[in-house]
Amino acid sequence: MDRYTIGQLARRAGVSARTVRFWSDRGVLPPDDRSSGGYRLYDAAALARLELIRTLRDLGLGLDAVNALLTRQVTLADLAATHVKALDAEIRTLRLRRTVLRTVARRHSTAEEMTVMNKLARLSAQERQRIIDDFVDSAFDGMADSDAAVVAGWMRELPAELAEDATDEQIDAWLELAELVTDEDFRHKIRTMVLSGGEDSRLEFGLNIRPLVLAYAGSAVERGVAPHAVEGRDTLDRIVPTDLPVEEAAALVAWLEMVADPRIERYWQLLSIINGTEAGPPTVPAFAWLLAAIRAHRIANRRSLERGRSGSGSSGGIRFER
């Protein structure tokens, strides 16, 4: 039976003699025999074993795992499955690092901001959910309305885990969302919207005209119609009744000033990205257009008429009756 020295075995397998000696010292490639001079000798089975060890090492398995397989403590299938999980975790870590660094480069972030982003990217699912829950709890604190509870539930929806194959866009969306919900001005804006919705039933009018806004104001935006133009006034009249009472018009303007904030729509867009669902078309441009049209054709005209009445000695403002 043929016997190979370490050097001969190394040449046949295409590895260095130092590698063969190291693996042999670690017990994963034991010699079959020794020469009269005490040199380690290996048989043909050792050559096949060496090929397997090299393949497993090329795939990234440690020598302890290789030894467990060779001594039949584990099966190849079990070892491969375990290694896949380890590789997935390593890939996810590398992708998180890449996303953080790319975001830092794009935003020209400081070292402190980079540290915060890195911590946010590494949060567990429970820790991520806690950040969102804290934001929603603070916004809806004290609100017992059932509709508010439904909206609050929607705002909490995050996946149980960022998927192992989460895209760069999803990871980046989480970083942006975490930054958004910790912004005090944004938190105050959401809290104001929640309180206004609970205290002023007239805001229901604003919600009821939403389909009209998206249909008519949305079309005006697409066609490039200026809010202050004559066609803009005609479009406005199709959305908001010309006889809308002053107090309801004021409530509508206040509502539009809140919902036309791009950050609010961005919140929902980011949730959609993270949850892997399709976000709806942008609505803020249509609501911003309507707000500008009301200011141009209703508020501006009313102020002009009020000034005229004041100059002629008349008192009181213009009232629109139903």
C-alpha atoms as a PDB file:
ATOM      1  CA  MET A   1       0.000   0.000   0.000  1.00  0.00           C
ATOM      2  CA  ASP A   2       1.308   3.424  -0.933  1.00  0.00           C
ATOM      3  CA  ARG A   3       2.324   5.747   1.856  1.00  0.00           C
ATOM      4  CA  TYR A   4       2.909   9.499   1.543  1.00  0.00           C
ATOM      5  CA  THR A   5       5.021  11.835   3.583  1.00  0.00           C
ATOM      6  CA  ILE A   6       3.648  15.247   4.508  1.00  0.00           C
ATOM      7  CA  GLY A   7       5.470  16.828   1.563  1.00  0.00           C
ATOM      8  CA  GLN A   8       4.237  14.216  -0.924  1.00  0.00           C
ATOM      9  CA  LEU A   9       0.676  14.446   0.349  1.00  0.00           C
ATOM     10  CA  ALA A  10       0.778  18.232   0.123  1.00  0.00           C
ATOM     11  CA  ARG A  11       1.966  18.161  -3.488  1.00  0.00           C
ATOM     12  CA  ARG A  12      -0.747  15.708  -4.518  1.00  0.00           C
ATOM     13  CA  ALA A  13      -3.456  17.766  -2.851  1.00  0.00           C
ATOM     14  CA  GLY A  14      -2.124  21.141  -4.011  1.00  0.00           C
ATOM     15  CA  VAL A  15      -1.690  22.624  -0.537  1.00  0.00           C
ATOM     16  CA  SER A  16       1.355  23.655   1.457  1.00  0.00           C
ATOM     17  CA  ALA A  17       3.226  21.194   3.648  1.00  0.00           C
ATOM     18  CA  ARG A  18       2.785  23.622   6.555  1.00  0.00           C
ATOM     19  CA  THR A  19      -1.013  23.401   6.137  1.00  0.00           C
ATOM     20  CA  VAL A  20      -0.950  19.588   6.127  1.00  0.00           C
ATOM     21  CA  ARG A  21       1.246  19.546   9.219  1.00  0.00           C
ATOM     22  CA  PHE A  22      -1.031  22.030  11.018  1.00  0.00           C
ATOM     23  CA  TRP A  23      -4.170  20.051  10.213  1.00  0.00           C
ATOM     24  CA  SER A  24      -2.459  16.879  11.290  1.00  0.00           C
ATOM     25  CA  ASP A  25      -1.387  18.487  14.574  1.00  0.00           C
ATOM     26  CA  ARG A  26      -4.999  19.571  15.169  1.00  0.00           C
ATOM     27  CA  GLY A  27      -6.188  15.987  14.792  1.00  0.00           C
ATOM     28  CA  VAL A  28      -8.340  16.376  11.678  1.00  0.00           C
ATOM     29  CA  LEU A  29      -5.774  14.584   9.489  1.00  0.00           C
ATOM     30  CA  PRO A  30      -4.151  11.890  11.624  1.00  0.00           C
ATOM     31  CA  PRO A  31      -1.243   9.915  10.058  1.00  0.00           C
ATOM     32  CA  ASP A  32      -1.836   6.321   9.061  1.00  0.00           C
ATOM     33  CA  ASP A  33       1.648   5.250  10.143  1.00  0.00           C
ATOM     34  CA  ARG A  34       5.161   6.492  10.841  1.00  0.00           C
ATOM     35  CA  SER A  35       8.460   5.731   9.147  1.00  0.00           C
ATOM     36  CA  SER A  36      11.405   4.146  10.924  1.00  0.00           C
ATOM     37  CA  GLY A  37      12.732   7.640  11.318  1.00  0.00           C
ATOM     38  CA  GLY A  38       9.520   8.824  12.996  1.00  0.00           C
ATOM     39  CA  TYR A  39       8.096  10.755  10.013  1.00  0.00           C
ATOM     40  CA  ARG A  40       4.332  10.786   9.581  1.00  0.00           C
ATOM     41  CA  LEU A  41       2.969   8.700   6.722  1.00  0.00           C
ATOM     42  CA  TYR A  42      -0.453   8.905   5.093  1.00  0.00           C
ATOM     43  CA  ASP A  43      -2.393   6.447   2.910  1.00  0.00           C
ATOM     44  CA  ALA A  44      -4.741   7.051  -0.057  1.00  0.00           C
ATOM     45  CA  ALA A  45      -7.708   7.503   2.295  1.00  0.00           C
ATOM     46  CA  ALA A  46      -5.846  10.384   3.943  1.00  0.00           C
ATOM     47  CA  LEU A  47      -5.543  12.044   0.535  1.00  0.00           C
ATOM     48  CA  ALA A  48      -9.337  11.874   0.073  1.00  0.00           C
ATOM     49  CA  ARG A  49      -9.788  13.145   3.624  1.00  0.00           C
ATOM     50  CA  LEU A  50      -7.432  16.023   2.890  1.00  0.00           C
ATOM     51  CA  GLU A  51      -9.477  17.001  -0.177  1.00  0.00           C
ATOM     52  CA  LEU A  52     -12.642  17.052   1.936  1.00  0.00           C
ATOM     53  CA  ILE A  53     -10.980  19.147   4.644  1.00  0.00           C
ATOM     54  CA  ARG A  54      -9.773  21.678   2.106  1.00  0.00           C
ATOM     55  CA  THR A  55     -13.252  21.941   0.570  1.00  0.00           C
ATOM     56  CA  LEU A  56     -14.861  22.475   3.971  1.00  0.00           C
ATOM     57  CA  ARG A  57     -12.250  25.069   4.924  1.00  0.00           C
ATOM     58  CA  ASP A  58     -12.772  26.875   1.599  1.00  0.00           C
ATOM     59  CA  LEU A  59     -16.452  27.069   2.526  1.00  0.00           C
ATOM     60  CA  GLY A  60     -15.497  28.768   5.764  1.00  0.00           C
ATOM     61  CA  LEU A  61     -15.989  25.974   8.309  1.00  0.00           C
ATOM     62  CA  GLY A  62     -13.746  25.949  11.350  1.00  0.00           C
ATOM     63  CA  LEU A  63     -11.524  23.000  12.196  1.00  0.00           C
ATOM     64  CA  ASP A  64     -13.676  22.049  15.200  1.00  0.00           C
ATOM     65  CA  ALA A  65     -16.700  21.726  12.917  1.00  0.00           C
ATOM     66  CA  VAL A  66     -14.637  19.782  10.374  1.00  0.00           C
ATOM     67  CA  ASN A  67     -13.420  17.407  13.059  1.00  0.00           C
ATOM     68  CA  ALA A  68     -16.981  16.864  14.341  1.00  0.00           C
ATOM     69  CA  LEU A  69     -18.014  15.843  10.829  1.00  0.00           C
ATOM     70  CA  LEU A  70     -15.027  13.573  10.238  1.00  0.00           C
ATOM     71  CA  THR A  71     -15.544  11.811  13.542  1.00  0.00           C
ATOM     72  CA  ARG A  72     -19.242  11.446  12.667  1.00  0.00           C
ATOM     73  CA  GLN A  73     -20.452  13.532  15.583  1.00  0.00           C
ATOM     74  CA  VAL A  74     -22.616  15.419  13.084  1.00  0.00           C
ATOM     75  CA  THR A  75     -23.881  14.759   9.580  1.00  0.00           C
ATOM     76  CA  LEU A  76     -22.818  16.791   6.583  1.00  0.00           C
ATOM     77  CA  ALA A  77     -26.396  18.050   6.145  1.00  0.00           C
ATOM     78  CA  ASP A  78     -26.577  19.288   9.747  1.00  0.00           C
ATOM     79  CA  LEU A  79     -23.170  20.891   9.486  1.00  0.00           C
ATOM     80  CA  ALA A  80     -24.113  22.639   6.240  1.00  0.00           C
ATOM     81  CA  ALA A  81     -27.394  23.938   7.705  1.00  0.00           C
ATOM     82  CA  THR A  82     -25.604  25.295  10.768  1.00  0.00           C
ATOM     83  CA  HIS A  83     -22.995  26.983   8.615  1.00  0.00           C
ATOM     84  CA  VAL A  84     -25.669  28.539   6.400  1.00  0.00           C
ATOM     85  CA  LYS A  85     -27.191  30.194   9.475  1.00  0.00           C
ATOM     86  CA  ALA A  86     -23.797  31.509  10.523  1.00  0.00           C
ATOM     87  CA  LEU A  87     -23.143  32.867   7.034  1.00  0.00           C
ATOM     88  CA  ASP A  88     -26.575  34.517   6.943  1.00  0.00           C
ATOM     89  CA  ALA A  89     -25.820  36.312  10.208  1.00  0.00           C
ATOM     90  CA  GLU A  90     -22.419  37.402   8.913  1.00  0.00           C
ATOM     91  CA  ILE A  91     -23.909  38.633   5.632  1.00  0.00           C
ATOM     92  CA  ARG A  92     -26.591  40.573   7.484  1.00  0.00           C
ATOM     93  CA  THR A  93     -23.937  42.200   9.690  1.00  0.00           C
ATOM     94  CA  LEU A  94     -21.875  43.189   6.664  1.00  0.00           C
ATOM     95  CA  ARG A  95     -24.922  44.591   4.886  1.00  0.00           C
ATOM     96  CA  LEU A  96     -25.870  46.613   7.964  1.00  0.00           C
ATOM     97  CA  ARG A  97     -22.370  48.054   8.099  1.00  0.00           C
ATOM     98  CA  ARG A  98     -22.499  48.905   4.402  1.00  0.00           C
ATOM     99  CA  THR A  99     -25.899  50.584   4.758  1.00  0.00           C
ATOM    100  CA  VAL A 100     -24.769  52.667   7.720  1.00  0.00           C
ATOM    101  CA  LEU A 101     -21.592  53.757   5.959  1.00  0.00           C
ATOM    102  CA  ARG A 102     -23.467  54.577   2.750  1.00  0.00           C
ATOM    103  CA  THR A 103     -26.000  56.627   4.726  1.00  0.00           C
ATOM    104  CA  VAL A 104     -23.185  58.442   6.529  1.00  0.00           C
ATOM    105  CA  ALA A 105     -21.571  59.299   3.191  1.00  0.00           C
ATOM    106  CA  ARG A 106     -24.875  60.454   1.662  1.00  0.00           C
ATOM    107  CA  ARG A 107     -25.862  62.633   4.625  1.00  0.00           C
ATOM    108  CA  HIS A 108     -22.342  63.849   5.423  1.00  0.00           C
ATOM    109  CA  SER A 109     -23.030  62.708   8.988  1.00  0.00           C
ATOM    110  CA  THR A 110     -20.850  63.465  11.979  1.00  0.00           C
ATOM    111  CA  ALA A 111     -19.092  60.780  14.018  1.00  0.00           C
ATOM    112  CA  GLU A 112     -21.780  61.082  16.691  1.00  0.00           C
ATOM    113  CA  GLU A 113     -24.590  60.633  14.140  1.00  0.00           C
ATOM    114  CA  MET A 114     -22.810  57.612  12.670  1.00  0.00           C
ATOM    115  CA  THR A 115     -22.622  56.027  16.126  1.00  0.00           C
ATOM    116  CA  VAL A 116     -26.351  56.533  16.642  1.00  0.00           C
ATOM    117  CA  MET A 117     -27.192  55.078  13.219  1.00  0.00           C
ATOM    118  CA  ASN A 118     -25.005  52.040  13.867  1.00  0.00           C
ATOM    119  CA  LYS A 119     -26.791  51.378  17.158  1.00  0.00           C
ATOM    120  CA  LEU A 120     -30.208  51.769  15.515  1.00  0.00           C
ATOM    121  CA  ALA A 121     -29.285  49.352  12.735  1.00  0.00           C
ATOM    122  CA  ARG A 122     -28.255  46.674  15.250  1.00  0.00           C
ATOM    123  CA  LEU A 123     -31.355  46.836  17.430  1.00  0.00           C
ATOM    124  CA  SER A 124     -33.329  43.659  18.014  1.00  0.00           C
ATOM    125  CA  ALA A 125     -36.921  43.328  16.802  1.00  0.00           C
ATOM    126  CA  GLN A 126     -38.231  43.985  20.317  1.00  0.00           C
ATOM    127  CA  GLU A 127     -36.059  47.084  20.680  1.00  0.00           C
ATOM    128  CA  ARG A 128     -37.204  48.433  17.321  1.00  0.00           C
ATOM    129  CA  GLN A 129     -40.839  47.834  18.217  1.00  0.00           C
ATOM    130  CA  ARG A 130     -40.329  49.580  21.552  1.00  0.00           C
ATOM    131  CA  ILE A 131     -39.180  52.761  19.787  1.00  0.00           C
ATOM    132  CA  ILE A 132     -42.299  52.794  17.589  1.00  0.00           C
ATOM    133  CA  ASP A 133     -44.606  51.912  20.499  1.00  0.00           C
ATOM    134  CA  ASP A 134     -43.184  54.757  22.573  1.00  0.00           C
ATOM    135  CA  PHE A 135     -43.839  57.179  19.710  1.00  0.00           C
ATOM    136  CA  VAL A 136     -47.425  55.987  19.135  1.00  0.00           C
ATOM    137  CA  ASP A 137     -48.198  55.856  22.870  1.00  0.00           C
ATOM    138  CA  SER A 138     -47.106  59.458  23.310  1.00  0.00           C
ATOM    139  CA  ALA A 139     -49.182  60.582  20.303  1.00  0.00           C
ATOM    140  CA  PHE A 140     -52.399  58.787  21.304  1.00  0.00           C
ATOM    141  CA  ASP A 141     -52.138  59.106  25.081  1.00  0.00           C
ATOM    142  CA  GLY A 142     -55.594  59.644  26.605  1.00  0.00           C
ATOM    143  CA  MET A 143     -57.488  58.968  23.351  1.00  0.00           C
ATOM    144  CA  ALA A 144     -60.250  56.400  23.852  1.00  0.00           C
ATOM    145  CA  ASP A 145     -61.866  56.857  20.427  1.00  0.00           C
ATOM    146  CA  SER A 146     -62.151  53.580  18.510  1.00  0.00           C
ATOM    147  CA  ASP A 147     -61.058  55.162  15.220  1.00  0.00           C
ATOM    148  CA  ALA A 148     -57.963  56.548  16.915  1.00  0.00           C
ATOM    149  CA  ALA A 149     -57.189  53.076  18.256  1.00  0.00           C
ATOM    150  CA  VAL A 150     -57.345  51.653  14.730  1.00  0.00           C
ATOM    151  CA  VAL A 151     -54.973  54.316  13.363  1.00  0.00           C
ATOM    152  CA  ALA A 152     -52.623  53.768  16.300  1.00  0.00           C
ATOM    153  CA  GLY A 153     -52.586  50.061  15.488  1.00  0.00           C
ATOM    154  CA  TRP A 154     -51.639  50.775  11.888  1.00  0.00           C
ATOM    155  CA  MET A 155     -48.833  53.053  13.021  1.00  0.00           C
ATOM    156  CA  ARG A 156     -47.337  50.268  15.163  1.00  0.00           C
ATOM    157  CA  GLU A 157     -47.103  47.700  12.387  1.00  0.00           C
ATOM    158  CA  LEU A 158     -43.553  46.467  12.024  1.00  0.00           C
ATOM    159  CA  PRO A 159     -42.379  43.022  10.940  1.00  0.00           C
ATOM    160  CA  ALA A 160     -41.421  40.706  13.799  1.00  0.00           C
ATOM    161  CA  GLU A 161     -37.903  40.701  12.362  1.00  0.00           C
ATOM    162  CA  LEU A 162     -36.088  42.531   9.620  1.00  0.00           C
ATOM    163  CA  ALA A 163     -35.926  39.704   7.114  1.00  0.00           C
ATOM    164  CA  GLU A 164     -32.604  37.927   6.703  1.00  0.00           C
ATOM    165  CA  ASP A 165     -32.762  38.982   3.071  1.00  0.00           C
ATOM    166  CA  ALA A 166     -33.874  42.524   3.922  1.00  0.00           C
ATOM    167  CA  THR A 167     -32.956  44.892   1.138  1.00  0.00           C
ATOM    168  CA  ASP A 168     -30.696  47.885   1.581  1.00  0.00           C
ATOM    169  CA  GLU A 169     -33.801  50.018   1.041  1.00  0.00           C
ATOM    170  CA  GLN A 170     -35.563  48.350   3.996  1.00  0.00           C
ATOM    171  CA  ILE A 171     -32.594  48.787   6.311  1.00  0.00           C
ATOM    172  CA  ASP A 172     -32.198  52.396   5.228  1.00  0.00           C
ATOM    173  CA  ALA A 173     -35.954  52.926   5.738  1.00  0.00           C
ATOM    174  CA  TRP A 174     -35.671  51.682   9.321  1.00  0.00           C
ATOM    175  CA  LEU A 175     -32.824  54.129  10.009  1.00  0.00           C
ATOM    176  CA  GLU A 176     -34.881  56.998   8.598  1.00  0.00           C
ATOM    177  CA  LEU A 177     -38.023  55.927  10.480  1.00  0.00           C
ATOM    178  CA  ALA A 178     -36.179  55.692  13.801  1.00  0.00           C
ATOM    179  CA  GLU A 179     -34.741  59.145  13.209  1.00  0.00           C
ATOM    180  CA  LEU A 180     -38.177  60.533  12.287  1.00  0.00           C
ATOM    181  CA  VAL A 181     -40.084  59.241  15.326  1.00  0.00           C
ATOM    182  CA  THR A 182     -37.472  60.621  17.716  1.00  0.00           C
ATOM    183  CA  ASP A 183     -37.737  64.113  16.202  1.00  0.00           C
ATOM    184  CA  GLU A 184     -39.531  66.270  18.777  1.00  0.00           C
ATOM    185  CA  ASP A 185     -41.122  68.564  16.200  1.00  0.00           C
ATOM    186  CA  PHE A 186     -42.608  65.601  14.330  1.00  0.00           C
ATOM    187  CA  ARG A 187     -43.867  64.027  17.564  1.00  0.00           C
ATOM    188  CA  HIS A 188     -45.534  67.330  18.461  1.00  0.00           C
ATOM    189  CA  LYS A 189     -47.145  67.537  15.003  1.00  0.00           C
ATOM    190  CA  ILE A 190     -48.645  64.044  15.291  1.00  0.00           C
ATOM    191  CA  ARG A 191     -49.873  64.731  18.828  1.00  0.00           C
ATOM    192  CA  THR A 192     -51.530  67.953  17.636  1.00  0.00           C
ATOM    193  CA  MET A 193     -53.268  66.086  14.808  1.00  0.00           C
ATOM    194  CA  VAL A 194     -54.545  63.408  17.185  1.00  0.00           C
ATOM    195  CA  LEU A 195     -55.888  65.941  19.686  1.00  0.00           C
ATOM    196  CA  SER A 196     -57.479  68.052  16.967  1.00  0.00           C
ATOM    197  CA  GLY A 197     -59.192  65.014  15.503  1.00  0.00           C
ATOM    198  CA  GLY A 198     -60.667  64.148  18.873  1.00  0.00           C
ATOM    199  CA  GLU A 199     -61.792  67.629  19.898  1.00  0.00           C
ATOM    200  CA  ASP A 200     -63.167  69.088  16.666  1.00  0.00           C
ATOM    201  CA  SER A 201     -65.805  67.066  14.807  1.00  0.00           C
ATOM    202  CA  ARG A 202     -65.699  69.586  11.971  1.00  0.00           C
ATOM    203  CA  LEU A 203     -62.472  67.967  10.872  1.00  0.00           C
ATOM    204  CA  GLU A 204     -64.603  65.098   9.624  1.00  0.00           C
ATOM    205  CA  PHE A 205     -65.391  67.376   6.689  1.00  0.00           C
ATOM    206  CA  GLY A 206     -61.736  67.282   5.729  1.00  0.00           C
ATOM    207  CA  LEU A 207     -61.707  63.505   5.828  1.00  0.00           C
ATOM    208  CA  ASN A 208     -64.878  63.295   3.760  1.00  0.00           C
ATOM    209  CA  ILE A 209     -63.428  65.363   0.910  1.00  0.00           C
ATOM    210  CA  ARG A 210     -60.283  63.242   0.652  1.00  0.00           C
ATOM    211  CA  PRO A 211     -61.483  61.372  -2.478  1.00  0.00           C
ATOM    212  CA  LEU A 212     -62.331  64.700  -4.135  1.00  0.00           C
ATOM    213  CA  VAL A 213     -58.935  66.113  -3.277  1.00  0.00           C
ATOM    214  CA  LEU A 214     -57.107  63.154  -4.788  1.00  0.00           C
ATOM    215  CA  ALA A 215     -59.309  63.215  -7.900  1.00  0.00           C
ATOM    216  CA  TYR A 216     -59.479  66.943  -8.718  1.00  0.00           C
ATOM    217  CA  ALA A 217     -56.509  68.538  -6.944  1.00  0.00           C
ATOM    218  CA  GLY A 218     -54.376  65.533  -7.867  1.00  0.00           C
ATOM    219  CA  SER A 219     -55.305  66.016 -11.513  1.00  0.00           C
ATOM    220  CA  ALA A 220     -54.525  69.752 -11.263  1.00  0.00           C
ATOM    221  CA  VAL A 221     -51.059  68.929  -9.901  1.00  0.00           C
ATOM    222  CA  GLU A 222     -50.408  66.488 -12.730  1.00  0.00           C
ATOM    223  CA  ARG A 223     -51.520  69.021 -15.334  1.00  0.00           C
ATOM    224  CA  GLY A 224     -49.511  71.852 -13.801  1.00  0.00           C
ATOM    225  CA  VAL A 225     -52.524  74.042 -12.958  1.00  0.00           C
ATOM    226  CA  ALA A 226     -51.495  76.859 -10.617  1.00  0.00           C
ATOM    227  CA  PRO A 227     -53.642  77.078  -7.433  1.00  0.00           C
ATOM    228  CA  HIS A 228     -54.134  80.836  -7.875  1.00  0.00           C
ATOM    229  CA  ALA A 229     -55.219  80.567 -11.542  1.00  0.00           C
ATOM    230  CA  VAL A 230     -58.837  80.824 -12.733  1.00  0.00           C
ATOM    231  CA  GLU A 231     -58.843  77.093 -13.507  1.00  0.00           C
ATOM    232  CA  GLY A 232     -57.489  76.573 -10.011  1.00  0.00           C
ATOM    233  CA  ARG A 233     -60.511  78.391  -8.579  1.00  0.00           C
ATOM    234  CA  ASP A 234     -62.886  76.258 -10.658  1.00  0.00           C
ATOM    235  CA  THR A 235     -61.164  73.106  -9.415  1.00  0.00           C
ATOM    236  CA  LEU A 236     -61.378  74.349  -5.833  1.00  0.00           C
ATOM    237  CA  ASP A 237     -65.139  74.905  -6.201  1.00  0.00           C
ATOM    238  CA  ARG A 238     -65.545  71.252  -7.229  1.00  0.00           C
ATOM    239  CA  ILE A 239     -63.886  70.149  -3.987  1.00  0.00           C
ATOM    240  CA  VAL A 240     -64.996  72.674  -1.360  1.00  0.00           C
ATOM    241  CA  PRO A 241     -68.521  74.165  -1.408  1.00  0.00           C
ATOM    242  CA  THR A 242     -68.523  77.895  -2.071  1.00  0.00           C
ATOM    243  CA  ASP A 243     -70.978  78.387   0.794  1.00  0.00           C
ATOM    244  CA  LEU A 244     -68.805  76.635   3.387  1.00  0.00           C
ATOM    245  CA  PRO A 245     -69.189  78.529   6.722  1.00  0.00           C
ATOM    246  CA  VAL A 246     -66.195  80.550   7.858  1.00  0.00           C
ATOM    247  CA  GLU A 247     -65.555  78.466  10.954  1.00  0.00           C
ATOM    248  CA  GLU A 248     -65.605  75.245   8.936  1.00  0.00           C
ATOM    249  CA  ALA A 249     -63.310  76.746   6.333  1.00  0.00           C
ATOM    250  CA  ALA A 250     -60.893  77.712   9.114  1.00  0.00           C
ATOM    251  CA  ALA A 251     -61.030  74.176  10.501  1.00  0.00           C
ATOM    252  CA  LEU A 252     -60.381  72.792   7.019  1.00  0.00           C
ATOM    253  CA  VAL A 253     -57.360  75.052   6.536  1.00  0.00           C
ATOM    254  CA  ALA A 254     -55.953  73.995   9.918  1.00  0.00           C
ATOM    255  CA  TRP A 255     -56.467  70.339   8.987  1.00  0.00           C
ATOM    256  CA  LEU A 256     -54.804  70.816   5.603  1.00  0.00           C
ATOM    257  CA  GLU A 257     -51.828  72.540   7.205  1.00  0.00           C
ATOM    258  CA  MET A 258     -51.275  69.361   9.204  1.00  0.00           C
ATOM    259  CA  VAL A 259     -51.888  66.686   6.579  1.00  0.00           C
ATOM    260  CA  ALA A 260     -49.855  68.533   3.940  1.00  0.00           C
ATOM    261  CA  ASP A 261     -46.713  67.943   6.014  1.00  0.00           C
ATOM    262  CA  PRO A 262     -44.524  65.609   3.857  1.00  0.00           C
ATOM    263  CA  ARG A 263     -43.116  63.955   6.994  1.00  0.00           C
ATOM    264  CA  ILE A 264     -46.490  62.417   7.827  1.00  0.00           C
ATOM    265  CA  GLU A 265     -46.800  60.763   4.442  1.00  0.00           C
ATOM    266  CA  ARG A 266     -43.164  59.718   4.676  1.00  0.00           C
ATOM    267  CA  TYR A 267     -43.933  57.836   7.895  1.00  0.00           C
ATOM    268  CA  TRP A 268     -46.437  55.623   6.078  1.00  0.00           C
ATOM    269  CA  GLN A 269     -44.118  55.195   3.116  1.00  0.00           C
ATOM    270  CA  LEU A 270     -41.316  54.004   5.384  1.00  0.00           C
ATOM    271  CA  LEU A 271     -43.618  51.518   7.128  1.00  0.00           C
ATOM    272  CA  SER A 272     -44.608  50.133   3.722  1.00  0.00           C
ATOM    273  CA  ILE A 273     -40.983  49.712   2.696  1.00  0.00           C
ATOM    274  CA  ILE A 274     -40.054  47.956   5.946  1.00  0.00           C
ATOM    275  CA  ASN A 275     -43.118  45.691   5.814  1.00  0.00           C
ATOM    276  CA  GLY A 276     -42.506  44.849   2.170  1.00  0.00           C
ATOM    277  CA  THR A 277     -45.859  46.214   1.030  1.00  0.00           C
ATOM    278  CA  GLU A 278     -46.608  48.600  -1.807  1.00  0.00           C
ATOM    279  CA  ALA A 279     -47.027  52.208  -0.703  1.00  0.00           C
ATOM    280  CA  GLY A 280     -49.933  54.176  -2.131  1.00  0.00           C
ATOM    281  CA  PRO A 281     -49.365  57.076  -4.521  1.00  0.00           C
ATOM    282  CA  PRO A 282     -48.231  60.366  -2.941  1.00  0.00           C
ATOM    283  CA  THR A 283     -51.105  62.476  -1.619  1.00  0.00           C
ATOM    284  CA  VAL A 284     -49.308  65.442  -0.044  1.00  0.00           C
ATOM    285  CA  PRO A 285     -48.930  67.389  -3.333  1.00  0.00           C
ATOM    286  CA  ALA A 286     -52.725  67.304  -3.854  1.00  0.00           C
ATOM    287  CA  PHE A 287     -53.493  68.495  -0.311  1.00  0.00           C
ATOM    288  CA  ALA A 288     -50.800  71.179  -0.495  1.00  0.00           C
ATOM    289  CA  TRP A 289     -52.329  72.366  -3.790  1.00  0.00           C
ATOM    290  CA  LEU A 290     -55.795  72.573  -2.201  1.00  0.00           C
ATOM    291  CA  LEU A 291     -54.428  74.543   0.744  1.00  0.00           C
ATOM    292  CA  ALA A 292     -52.781  77.041  -1.595  1.00  0.00           C
ATOM    293  CA  ALA A 293     -56.001  77.340  -3.652  1.00  0.00           C
ATOM    294  CA  ILE A 294     -58.115  78.060  -0.552  1.00  0.00           C
ATOM    295  CA  ARG A 295     -55.683  80.723   0.563  1.00  0.00           C
ATOM    296  CA  ALA A 296     -55.670  82.293  -2.905  1.00  0.00           C
ATOM    297  CA  HIS A 297     -59.404  82.263  -3.684  1.00  0.00           C
ATOM    298  CA  ARG A 298     -61.239  82.101  -0.377  1.00  0.00           C
ATOM    299  CA  ILE A 299     -59.112  83.603   2.374  1.00  0.00           C
ATOM    300  CA  ALA A 300     -57.579  86.324   0.205  1.00  0.00           C
ATOM    301  CA  ASN A 301     -60.996  87.309  -1.215  1.00  0.00           C
ATOM    302  CA  ARG A 302     -62.614  87.293   2.212  1.00  0.00           C
ATOM    303  CA  ARG A 303     -59.930  89.562   3.624  1.00  0.00           C
ATOM    304  CA  SER A 304     -60.315  91.914   0.675  1.00  0.00           C
ATOM    305  CA  LEU A 305     -64.083  92.133   1.228  1.00  0.00           C
ATOM    306  CA  GLU A 306     -63.599  92.629   4.955  1.00  0.00           C
ATOM    307  CA  ARG A 307     -61.249  95.528   4.306  1.00  0.00           C
ATOM    308  CA  GLY A 308     -63.842  97.028   1.935  1.00  0.00           C
ATOM    309  CA  ARG A 309     -66.608  96.760   4.518  1.00  0.00           C
ATOM    310  CA  SER A 310     -64.354  98.276   7.164  1.00  0.00           C
ATOM    311  CA  GLY A 311     -63.587 101.220   4.923  1.00  0.00           C
ATOM    312  CA  SER A 312     -67.286 101.910   4.294  1.00  0.00           C
ATOM    313  CA  GLY A 313     -68.134 101.899   7.991  1.00  0.00           C
ATOM    314  CA  SER A 314     -69.675  98.458   7.995  1.00  0.00           C
ATOM    315  CA  SER A 315     -68.719  96.065  10.780  1.00  0.00           C
ATOM    316  CA  GLY A 316     -68.379  92.293  10.897  1.00  0.00           C
ATOM    317  CA  GLY A 317     -66.825  89.777   8.528  1.00  0.00           C
ATOM    318  CA  ILE A 318     -68.156  87.835   5.622  1.00  0.00           C
ATOM    319  CA  ARG A 319     -70.166  84.722   6.512  1.00  0.00           C
ATOM    320  CA  PHE A 320     -70.843  81.899   4.146  1.00  0.00           C
ATOM    321  CA  GLU A 321     -74.209  80.284   4.716  1.00  0.00           C
ATOM    322  CA  ARG A 322     -75.074  76.737   3.779  1.00  0.00           C
END
